[in-house]
Amino acid sequence: RTASANGTGVDRYLNGAAFQDALV
């Protein structure tokens, strides 16, 4: 990368499993 960028949003309700914790 040489420029600013936005990542793709990650859904915490993936496949019906509401994830309570997240790490980047």
mmCIF file of all heavy atoms, coordinates in Angstrom:
data_MODEL
# 
_entry.id   MODEL 
# 
loop_
_atom_site.group_PDB 
_atom_site.id 
_atom_site.type_symbol 
_atom_site.label_atom_id 
_atom_site.label_alt_id 
_atom_site.label_comp_id 
_atom_site.label_asym_id 
_atom_site.label_entity_id 
_atom_site.label_seq_id 
_atom_site.pdbx_PDB_ins_code 
_atom_site.Cartn_x 
_atom_site.Cartn_y 
_atom_site.Cartn_z 
_atom_site.occupancy 
_atom_site.B_iso_or_equiv 
_atom_site.pdbx_formal_charge 
_atom_site.auth_seq_id 
_atom_site.auth_comp_id 
_atom_site.auth_asym_id 
_atom_site.auth_atom_id 
_atom_site.pdbx_PDB_model_num 
ATOM 1   N N   . ARG A 1 1  ? 0.812   -1.208  0.000  1.00 0.00 ? 1  ARG A N   1 
ATOM 2   C CA  . ARG A 1 1  ? 0.000   0.000   0.000  1.00 0.00 ? 1  ARG A CA  1 
ATOM 3   C C   . ARG A 1 1  ? 0.847   1.259   0.000  1.00 0.00 ? 1  ARG A C   1 
ATOM 4   O O   . ARG A 1 1  ? 1.824   1.354   0.732  1.00 0.00 ? 1  ARG A O   1 
ATOM 5   C CB  . ARG A 1 1  ? -0.907  0.029   1.225  1.00 0.00 ? 1  ARG A CB  1 
ATOM 6   C CG  . ARG A 1 1  ? -1.848  -1.136  1.283  1.00 0.00 ? 1  ARG A CG  1 
ATOM 7   C CD  . ARG A 1 1  ? -2.778  -1.051  2.478  1.00 0.00 ? 1  ARG A CD  1 
ATOM 8   N NE  . ARG A 1 1  ? -3.463  -2.305  2.655  1.00 0.00 ? 1  ARG A NE  1 
ATOM 9   C CZ  . ARG A 1 1  ? -4.438  -2.759  1.881  1.00 0.00 ? 1  ARG A CZ  1 
ATOM 10  N NH1 . ARG A 1 1  ? -4.869  -2.039  0.889  1.00 0.00 ? 1  ARG A NH1 1 
ATOM 11  N NH2 . ARG A 1 1  ? -4.995  -3.931  2.109  1.00 0.00 ? 1  ARG A NH2 1 
ATOM 12  N N   . THR A 1 2  ? 0.416   2.220   -0.812 1.00 0.00 ? 2  THR A N   1 
ATOM 13  C CA  . THR A 1 2  ? 1.011   3.550   -0.810 1.00 0.00 ? 2  THR A CA  1 
ATOM 14  C C   . THR A 1 2  ? -0.057  4.603   -0.532 1.00 0.00 ? 2  THR A C   1 
ATOM 15  O O   . THR A 1 2  ? 0.254   5.790   -0.471 1.00 0.00 ? 2  THR A O   1 
ATOM 16  C CB  . THR A 1 2  ? 1.681   3.866   -2.166 1.00 0.00 ? 2  THR A CB  1 
ATOM 17  O OG1 . THR A 1 2  ? 0.704   3.746   -3.190 1.00 0.00 ? 2  THR A OG1 1 
ATOM 18  C CG2 . THR A 1 2  ? 2.841   2.925   -2.426 1.00 0.00 ? 2  THR A CG2 1 
ATOM 19  N N   . ALA A 1 3  ? -1.303  4.181   -0.366 1.00 0.00 ? 3  ALA A N   1 
ATOM 20  C CA  . ALA A 1 3  ? -2.414  5.108   -0.147 1.00 0.00 ? 3  ALA A CA  1 
ATOM 21  C C   . ALA A 1 3  ? -3.313  4.588   0.969  1.00 0.00 ? 3  ALA A C   1 
ATOM 22  O O   . ALA A 1 3  ? -3.284  3.403   1.318  1.00 0.00 ? 3  ALA A O   1 
ATOM 23  C CB  . ALA A 1 3  ? -3.215  5.267   -1.433 1.00 0.00 ? 3  ALA A CB  1 
ATOM 24  N N   . SER A 1 4  ? -4.130  5.479   1.487  1.00 0.00 ? 4  SER A N   1 
ATOM 25  C CA  . SER A 1 4  ? -5.093  5.114   2.522  1.00 0.00 ? 4  SER A CA  1 
ATOM 26  C C   . SER A 1 4  ? -6.136  4.155   1.954  1.00 0.00 ? 4  SER A C   1 
ATOM 27  O O   . SER A 1 4  ? -6.392  4.156   0.749  1.00 0.00 ? 4  SER A O   1 
ATOM 28  C CB  . SER A 1 4  ? -5.769  6.374   3.056  1.00 0.00 ? 4  SER A CB  1 
ATOM 29  O OG  . SER A 1 4  ? -4.802  7.250   3.604  1.00 0.00 ? 4  SER A OG  1 
ATOM 30  N N   . ALA A 1 5  ? -6.719  3.330   2.828  1.00 0.00 ? 5  ALA A N   1 
ATOM 31  C CA  . ALA A 1 5  ? -7.708  2.347   2.377  1.00 0.00 ? 5  ALA A CA  1 
ATOM 32  C C   . ALA A 1 5  ? -8.639  1.968   3.521  1.00 0.00 ? 5  ALA A C   1 
ATOM 33  O O   . ALA A 1 5  ? -8.248  2.024   4.693  1.00 0.00 ? 5  ALA A O   1 
ATOM 34  C CB  . ALA A 1 5  ? -7.014  1.098   1.848  1.00 0.00 ? 5  ALA A CB  1 
ATOM 35  N N   . ASN A 1 6  ? -9.856  1.571   3.166  1.00 0.00 ? 6  ASN A N   1 
ATOM 36  C CA  . ASN A 1 6  ? -10.818 1.043   4.128  1.00 0.00 ? 6  ASN A CA  1 
ATOM 37  C C   . ASN A 1 6  ? -10.938 -0.452  3.925  1.00 0.00 ? 6  ASN A C   1 
ATOM 38  O O   . ASN A 1 6  ? -11.049 -0.921  2.797  1.00 0.00 ? 6  ASN A O   1 
ATOM 39  C CB  . ASN A 1 6  ? -12.197 1.679   3.929  1.00 0.00 ? 6  ASN A CB  1 
ATOM 40  C CG  . ASN A 1 6  ? -12.199 3.140   4.291  1.00 0.00 ? 6  ASN A CG  1 
ATOM 41  O OD1 . ASN A 1 6  ? -11.517 3.564   5.220  1.00 0.00 ? 6  ASN A OD1 1 
ATOM 42  N ND2 . ASN A 1 6  ? -12.968 3.914   3.558  1.00 0.00 ? 6  ASN A ND2 1 
ATOM 43  N N   . GLY A 1 7  ? -10.953 -1.183  5.026  1.00 0.00 ? 7  GLY A N   1 
ATOM 44  C CA  . GLY A 1 7  ? -11.161 -2.615  4.941  1.00 0.00 ? 7  GLY A CA  1 
ATOM 45  C C   . GLY A 1 7  ? -12.625 -2.946  4.737  1.00 0.00 ? 7  GLY A C   1 
ATOM 46  O O   . GLY A 1 7  ? -13.499 -2.079  4.788  1.00 0.00 ? 7  GLY A O   1 
ATOM 47  N N   . THR A 1 8  ? -12.901 -4.205  4.520  1.00 0.00 ? 8  THR A N   1 
ATOM 48  C CA  . THR A 1 8  ? -14.262 -4.722  4.392  1.00 0.00 ? 8  THR A CA  1 
ATOM 49  C C   . THR A 1 8  ? -14.855 -4.900  5.782  1.00 0.00 ? 8  THR A C   1 
ATOM 50  O O   . THR A 1 8  ? -14.178 -5.385  6.694  1.00 0.00 ? 8  THR A O   1 
ATOM 51  C CB  . THR A 1 8  ? -14.228 -6.087  3.681  1.00 0.00 ? 8  THR A CB  1 
ATOM 52  O OG1 . THR A 1 8  ? -13.609 -5.914  2.408  1.00 0.00 ? 8  THR A OG1 1 
ATOM 53  C CG2 . THR A 1 8  ? -15.619 -6.658  3.507  1.00 0.00 ? 8  THR A CG2 1 
ATOM 54  N N   . GLY A 1 9  ? -16.122 -4.530  5.939  1.00 0.00 ? 9  GLY A N   1 
ATOM 55  C CA  . GLY A 1 9  ? -16.787 -4.731  7.225  1.00 0.00 ? 9  GLY A CA  1 
ATOM 56  C C   . GLY A 1 9  ? -16.955 -6.210  7.530  1.00 0.00 ? 9  GLY A C   1 
ATOM 57  O O   . GLY A 1 9  ? -17.270 -7.001  6.645  1.00 0.00 ? 9  GLY A O   1 
ATOM 58  N N   . VAL A 1 10 ? -16.730 -6.582  8.778  1.00 0.00 ? 10 VAL A N   1 
ATOM 59  C CA  . VAL A 1 10 ? -16.887 -7.965  9.230  1.00 0.00 ? 10 VAL A CA  1 
ATOM 60  C C   . VAL A 1 10 ? -18.113 -8.032  10.135 1.00 0.00 ? 10 VAL A C   1 
ATOM 61  O O   . VAL A 1 10 ? -18.208 -7.306  11.132 1.00 0.00 ? 10 VAL A O   1 
ATOM 62  C CB  . VAL A 1 10 ? -15.627 -8.456  9.968  1.00 0.00 ? 10 VAL A CB  1 
ATOM 63  C CG1 . VAL A 1 10 ? -15.859 -9.836  10.570 1.00 0.00 ? 10 VAL A CG1 1 
ATOM 64  C CG2 . VAL A 1 10 ? -14.435 -8.468  9.029  1.00 0.00 ? 10 VAL A CG2 1 
ATOM 65  N N   . ASP A 1 11 ? -19.051 -8.889  9.776  1.00 0.00 ? 11 ASP A N   1 
ATOM 66  C CA  . ASP A 1 11 ? -20.312 -9.045  10.503 1.00 0.00 ? 11 ASP A CA  1 
ATOM 67  C C   . ASP A 1 11 ? -20.097 -9.935  11.720 1.00 0.00 ? 11 ASP A C   1 
ATOM 68  O O   . ASP A 1 11 ? -19.691 -11.090 11.592 1.00 0.00 ? 11 ASP A O   1 
ATOM 69  C CB  . ASP A 1 11 ? -21.355 -9.652  9.565  1.00 0.00 ? 11 ASP A CB  1 
ATOM 70  C CG  . ASP A 1 11 ? -22.756 -9.658  10.133 1.00 0.00 ? 11 ASP A CG  1 
ATOM 71  O OD1 . ASP A 1 11 ? -22.946 -9.320  11.327 1.00 0.00 ? 11 ASP A OD1 1 
ATOM 72  O OD2 . ASP A 1 11 ? -23.674 -10.007 9.368  1.00 0.00 ? 11 ASP A OD2 1 
ATOM 73  N N   . ARG A 1 12 ? -20.387 -9.408  12.902 1.00 0.00 ? 12 ARG A N   1 
ATOM 74  C CA  . ARG A 1 12 ? -20.254 -10.184 14.141 1.00 0.00 ? 12 ARG A CA  1 
ATOM 75  C C   . ARG A 1 12 ? -21.416 -11.163 14.326 1.00 0.00 ? 12 ARG A C   1 
ATOM 76  O O   . ARG A 1 12 ? -21.397 -11.973 15.242 1.00 0.00 ? 12 ARG A O   1 
ATOM 77  C CB  . ARG A 1 12 ? -20.146 -9.246  15.336 1.00 0.00 ? 12 ARG A CB  1 
ATOM 78  C CG  . ARG A 1 12 ? -18.847 -8.440  15.285 1.00 0.00 ? 12 ARG A CG  1 
ATOM 79  C CD  . ARG A 1 12 ? -18.729 -7.433  16.403 1.00 0.00 ? 12 ARG A CD  1 
ATOM 80  N NE  . ARG A 1 12 ? -18.814 -8.093  17.685 1.00 0.00 ? 12 ARG A NE  1 
ATOM 81  C CZ  . ARG A 1 12 ? -19.323 -7.523  18.769 1.00 0.00 ? 12 ARG A CZ  1 
ATOM 82  N NH1 . ARG A 1 12 ? -19.814 -6.298  18.728 1.00 0.00 ? 12 ARG A NH1 1 
ATOM 83  N NH2 . ARG A 1 12 ? -19.361 -8.172  19.917 1.00 0.00 ? 12 ARG A NH2 1 
ATOM 84  N N   . TYR A 1 13 ? -22.428 -11.112 13.448 1.00 0.00 ? 13 TYR A N   1 
ATOM 85  C CA  . TYR A 1 13 ? -23.557 -12.038 13.497 1.00 0.00 ? 13 TYR A CA  1 
ATOM 86  C C   . TYR A 1 13 ? -23.451 -13.023 12.337 1.00 0.00 ? 13 TYR A C   1 
ATOM 87  O O   . TYR A 1 13 ? -24.412 -13.296 11.632 1.00 0.00 ? 13 TYR A O   1 
ATOM 88  C CB  . TYR A 1 13 ? -24.880 -11.274 13.450 1.00 0.00 ? 13 TYR A CB  1 
ATOM 89  C CG  . TYR A 1 13 ? -25.144 -10.523 14.719 1.00 0.00 ? 13 TYR A CG  1 
ATOM 90  C CD1 . TYR A 1 13 ? -24.536 -9.295  14.955 1.00 0.00 ? 13 TYR A CD1 1 
ATOM 91  C CD2 . TYR A 1 13 ? -25.970 -11.043 15.697 1.00 0.00 ? 13 TYR A CD2 1 
ATOM 92  C CE1 . TYR A 1 13 ? -24.750 -8.600  16.131 1.00 0.00 ? 13 TYR A CE1 1 
ATOM 93  C CE2 . TYR A 1 13 ? -26.192 -10.352 16.872 1.00 0.00 ? 13 TYR A CE2 1 
ATOM 94  C CZ  . TYR A 1 13 ? -25.587 -9.136  17.087 1.00 0.00 ? 13 TYR A CZ  1 
ATOM 95  O OH  . TYR A 1 13 ? -25.797 -8.460  18.262 1.00 0.00 ? 13 TYR A OH  1 
ATOM 96  N N   . LEU A 1 14 ? -22.282 -13.571 12.160 1.00 0.00 ? 14 LEU A N   1 
ATOM 97  C CA  . LEU A 1 14 ? -21.963 -14.462 11.063 1.00 0.00 ? 14 LEU A CA  1 
ATOM 98  C C   . LEU A 1 14 ? -22.688 -15.803 11.196 1.00 0.00 ? 14 LEU A C   1 
ATOM 99  O O   . LEU A 1 14 ? -22.600 -16.462 12.228 1.00 0.00 ? 14 LEU A O   1 
ATOM 100 C CB  . LEU A 1 14 ? -20.452 -14.682 11.049 1.00 0.00 ? 14 LEU A CB  1 
ATOM 101 C CG  . LEU A 1 14 ? -19.864 -15.518 9.944  1.00 0.00 ? 14 LEU A CG  1 
ATOM 102 C CD1 . LEU A 1 14 ? -20.022 -14.797 8.609  1.00 0.00 ? 14 LEU A CD1 1 
ATOM 103 C CD2 . LEU A 1 14 ? -18.409 -15.773 10.226 1.00 0.00 ? 14 LEU A CD2 1 
ATOM 104 N N   . ASN A 1 15 ? -23.415 -16.187 10.152 1.00 0.00 ? 15 ASN A N   1 
ATOM 105 C CA  . ASN A 1 15 ? -24.114 -17.476 10.108 1.00 0.00 ? 15 ASN A CA  1 
ATOM 106 C C   . ASN A 1 15 ? -24.976 -17.729 11.340 1.00 0.00 ? 15 ASN A C   1 
ATOM 107 O O   . ASN A 1 15 ? -25.082 -18.846 11.819 1.00 0.00 ? 15 ASN A O   1 
ATOM 108 C CB  . ASN A 1 15 ? -23.112 -18.633 9.940  1.00 0.00 ? 15 ASN A CB  1 
ATOM 109 C CG  . ASN A 1 15 ? -22.374 -18.564 8.631  1.00 0.00 ? 15 ASN A CG  1 
ATOM 110 O OD1 . ASN A 1 15 ? -22.930 -18.148 7.615  1.00 0.00 ? 15 ASN A OD1 1 
ATOM 111 N ND2 . ASN A 1 15 ? -21.111 -18.938 8.637  1.00 0.00 ? 15 ASN A ND2 1 
ATOM 112 N N   . GLY A 1 16 ? -25.576 -16.671 11.885 1.00 0.00 ? 16 GLY A N   1 
ATOM 113 C CA  . GLY A 1 16 ? -26.469 -16.808 13.025 1.00 0.00 ? 16 GLY A CA  1 
ATOM 114 C C   . GLY A 1 16 ? -25.780 -16.945 14.368 1.00 0.00 ? 16 GLY A C   1 
ATOM 115 O O   . GLY A 1 16 ? -26.450 -17.097 15.388 1.00 0.00 ? 16 GLY A O   1 
ATOM 116 N N   . ALA A 1 17 ? -24.455 -16.887 14.394 1.00 0.00 ? 17 ALA A N   1 
ATOM 117 C CA  . ALA A 1 17 ? -23.715 -17.018 15.649 1.00 0.00 ? 17 ALA A CA  1 
ATOM 118 C C   . ALA A 1 17 ? -23.266 -15.627 16.100 1.00 0.00 ? 17 ALA A C   1 
ATOM 119 O O   . ALA A 1 17 ? -22.288 -15.100 15.614 1.00 0.00 ? 17 ALA A O   1 
ATOM 120 C CB  . ALA A 1 17 ? -22.497 -17.922 15.467 1.00 0.00 ? 17 ALA A CB  1 
ATOM 121 N N   . ALA A 1 18 ? -23.986 -15.016 17.008 1.00 0.00 ? 18 ALA A N   1 
ATOM 122 C CA  . ALA A 1 18 ? -23.665 -13.661 17.482 1.00 0.00 ? 18 ALA A CA  1 
ATOM 123 C C   . ALA A 1 18 ? -22.389 -13.720 18.316 1.00 0.00 ? 18 ALA A C   1 
ATOM 124 O O   . ALA A 1 18 ? -22.401 -14.143 19.463 1.00 0.00 ? 18 ALA A O   1 
ATOM 125 C CB  . ALA A 1 18 ? -24.823 -13.114 18.302 1.00 0.00 ? 18 ALA A CB  1 
ATOM 126 N N   . PHE A 1 19 ? -21.291 -13.284 17.725 1.00 0.00 ? 19 PHE A N   1 
ATOM 127 C CA  . PHE A 1 19 ? -19.996 -13.333 18.413 1.00 0.00 ? 19 PHE A CA  1 
ATOM 128 C C   . PHE A 1 19 ? -19.886 -12.190 19.403 1.00 0.00 ? 19 PHE A C   1 
ATOM 129 O O   . PHE A 1 19 ? -20.084 -11.024 19.068 1.00 0.00 ? 19 PHE A O   1 
ATOM 130 C CB  . PHE A 1 19 ? -18.851 -13.276 17.404 1.00 0.00 ? 19 PHE A CB  1 
ATOM 131 C CG  . PHE A 1 19 ? -18.702 -14.535 16.616 1.00 0.00 ? 19 PHE A CG  1 
ATOM 132 C CD1 . PHE A 1 19 ? -19.358 -14.697 15.416 1.00 0.00 ? 19 PHE A CD1 1 
ATOM 133 C CD2 . PHE A 1 19 ? -17.925 -15.570 17.089 1.00 0.00 ? 19 PHE A CD2 1 
ATOM 134 C CE1 . PHE A 1 19 ? -19.247 -15.866 14.685 1.00 0.00 ? 19 PHE A CE1 1 
ATOM 135 C CE2 . PHE A 1 19 ? -17.794 -16.754 16.377 1.00 0.00 ? 19 PHE A CE2 1 
ATOM 136 C CZ  . PHE A 1 19 ? -18.457 -16.902 15.164 1.00 0.00 ? 19 PHE A CZ  1 
ATOM 137 N N   . GLN A 1 20 ? -19.545 -12.521 20.637 1.00 0.00 ? 20 GLN A N   1 
ATOM 138 C CA  . GLN A 1 20 ? -19.469 -11.538 21.704 1.00 0.00 ? 20 GLN A CA  1 
ATOM 139 C C   . GLN A 1 20 ? -18.117 -10.833 21.755 1.00 0.00 ? 20 GLN A C   1 
ATOM 140 O O   . GLN A 1 20 ? -18.022 -9.723  22.272 1.00 0.00 ? 20 GLN A O   1 
ATOM 141 C CB  . GLN A 1 20 ? -19.756 -12.217 23.038 1.00 0.00 ? 20 GLN A CB  1 
ATOM 142 C CG  . GLN A 1 20 ? -21.152 -12.830 23.064 1.00 0.00 ? 20 GLN A CG  1 
ATOM 143 C CD  . GLN A 1 20 ? -21.388 -13.636 24.300 1.00 0.00 ? 20 GLN A CD  1 
ATOM 144 O OE1 . GLN A 1 20 ? -21.576 -13.059 25.368 1.00 0.00 ? 20 GLN A OE1 1 
ATOM 145 N NE2 . GLN A 1 20 ? -21.368 -14.955 24.181 1.00 0.00 ? 20 GLN A NE2 1 
ATOM 146 N N   . ASP A 1 21 ? -17.069 -11.443 21.248 1.00 0.00 ? 21 ASP A N   1 
ATOM 147 C CA  . ASP A 1 21 ? -15.722 -10.892 21.347 1.00 0.00 ? 21 ASP A CA  1 
ATOM 148 C C   . ASP A 1 21 ? -15.080 -10.791 19.971 1.00 0.00 ? 21 ASP A C   1 
ATOM 149 O O   . ASP A 1 21 ? -15.330 -11.617 19.093 1.00 0.00 ? 21 ASP A O   1 
ATOM 150 C CB  . ASP A 1 21 ? -14.843 -11.782 22.236 1.00 0.00 ? 21 ASP A CB  1 
ATOM 151 C CG  . ASP A 1 21 ? -15.390 -11.893 23.646 1.00 0.00 ? 21 ASP A CG  1 
ATOM 152 O OD1 . ASP A 1 21 ? -15.814 -10.852 24.195 1.00 0.00 ? 21 ASP A OD1 1 
ATOM 153 O OD2 . ASP A 1 21 ? -15.410 -13.010 24.190 1.00 0.00 ? 21 ASP A OD2 1 
ATOM 154 N N   . ALA A 1 22 ? -14.213 -9.766  19.813 1.00 0.00 ? 22 ALA A N   1 
ATOM 155 C CA  . ALA A 1 22 ? -13.524 -9.569  18.540 1.00 0.00 ? 22 ALA A CA  1 
ATOM 156 C C   . ALA A 1 22 ? -12.135 -8.987  18.783 1.00 0.00 ? 22 ALA A C   1 
ATOM 157 O O   . ALA A 1 22 ? -11.928 -8.182  19.699 1.00 0.00 ? 22 ALA A O   1 
ATOM 158 C CB  . ALA A 1 22 ? -14.323 -8.646  17.638 1.00 0.00 ? 22 ALA A CB  1 
ATOM 159 N N   . LEU A 1 23 ? -11.204 -9.413  17.953 1.00 0.00 ? 23 LEU A N   1 
ATOM 160 C CA  . LEU A 1 23 ? -9.846  -8.870  17.915 1.00 0.00 ? 23 LEU A CA  1 
ATOM 161 C C   . LEU A 1 23 ? -9.541  -8.464  16.486 1.00 0.00 ? 23 LEU A C   1 
ATOM 162 O O   . LEU A 1 23 ? -9.883  -9.184  15.549 1.00 0.00 ? 23 LEU A O   1 
ATOM 163 C CB  . LEU A 1 23 ? -8.801  -9.930  18.313 1.00 0.00 ? 23 LEU A CB  1 
ATOM 164 C CG  . LEU A 1 23 ? -8.799  -10.497 19.712 1.00 0.00 ? 23 LEU A CG  1 
ATOM 165 C CD1 . LEU A 1 23 ? -7.795  -11.652 19.795 1.00 0.00 ? 23 LEU A CD1 1 
ATOM 166 C CD2 . LEU A 1 23 ? -8.436  -9.430  20.713 1.00 0.00 ? 23 LEU A CD2 1 
ATOM 167 N N   . VAL A 1 24 ? -8.868  -7.344  16.314 1.00 0.00 ? 24 VAL A N   1 
ATOM 168 C CA  . VAL A 1 24 ? -8.349  -6.964  15.015 1.00 0.00 ? 24 VAL A CA  1 
ATOM 169 C C   . VAL A 1 24 ? -6.863  -7.292  15.038 1.00 0.00 ? 24 VAL A C   1 
ATOM 170 O O   . VAL A 1 24 ? -6.134  -6.864  15.938 1.00 0.00 ? 24 VAL A O   1 
ATOM 171 C CB  . VAL A 1 24 ? -8.575  -5.465  14.723 1.00 0.00 ? 24 VAL A CB  1 
ATOM 172 C CG1 . VAL A 1 24 ? -7.921  -5.068  13.416 1.00 0.00 ? 24 VAL A CG1 1 
ATOM 173 C CG2 . VAL A 1 24 ? -10.072 -5.170  14.693 1.00 0.00 ? 24 VAL A CG2 1 
# 
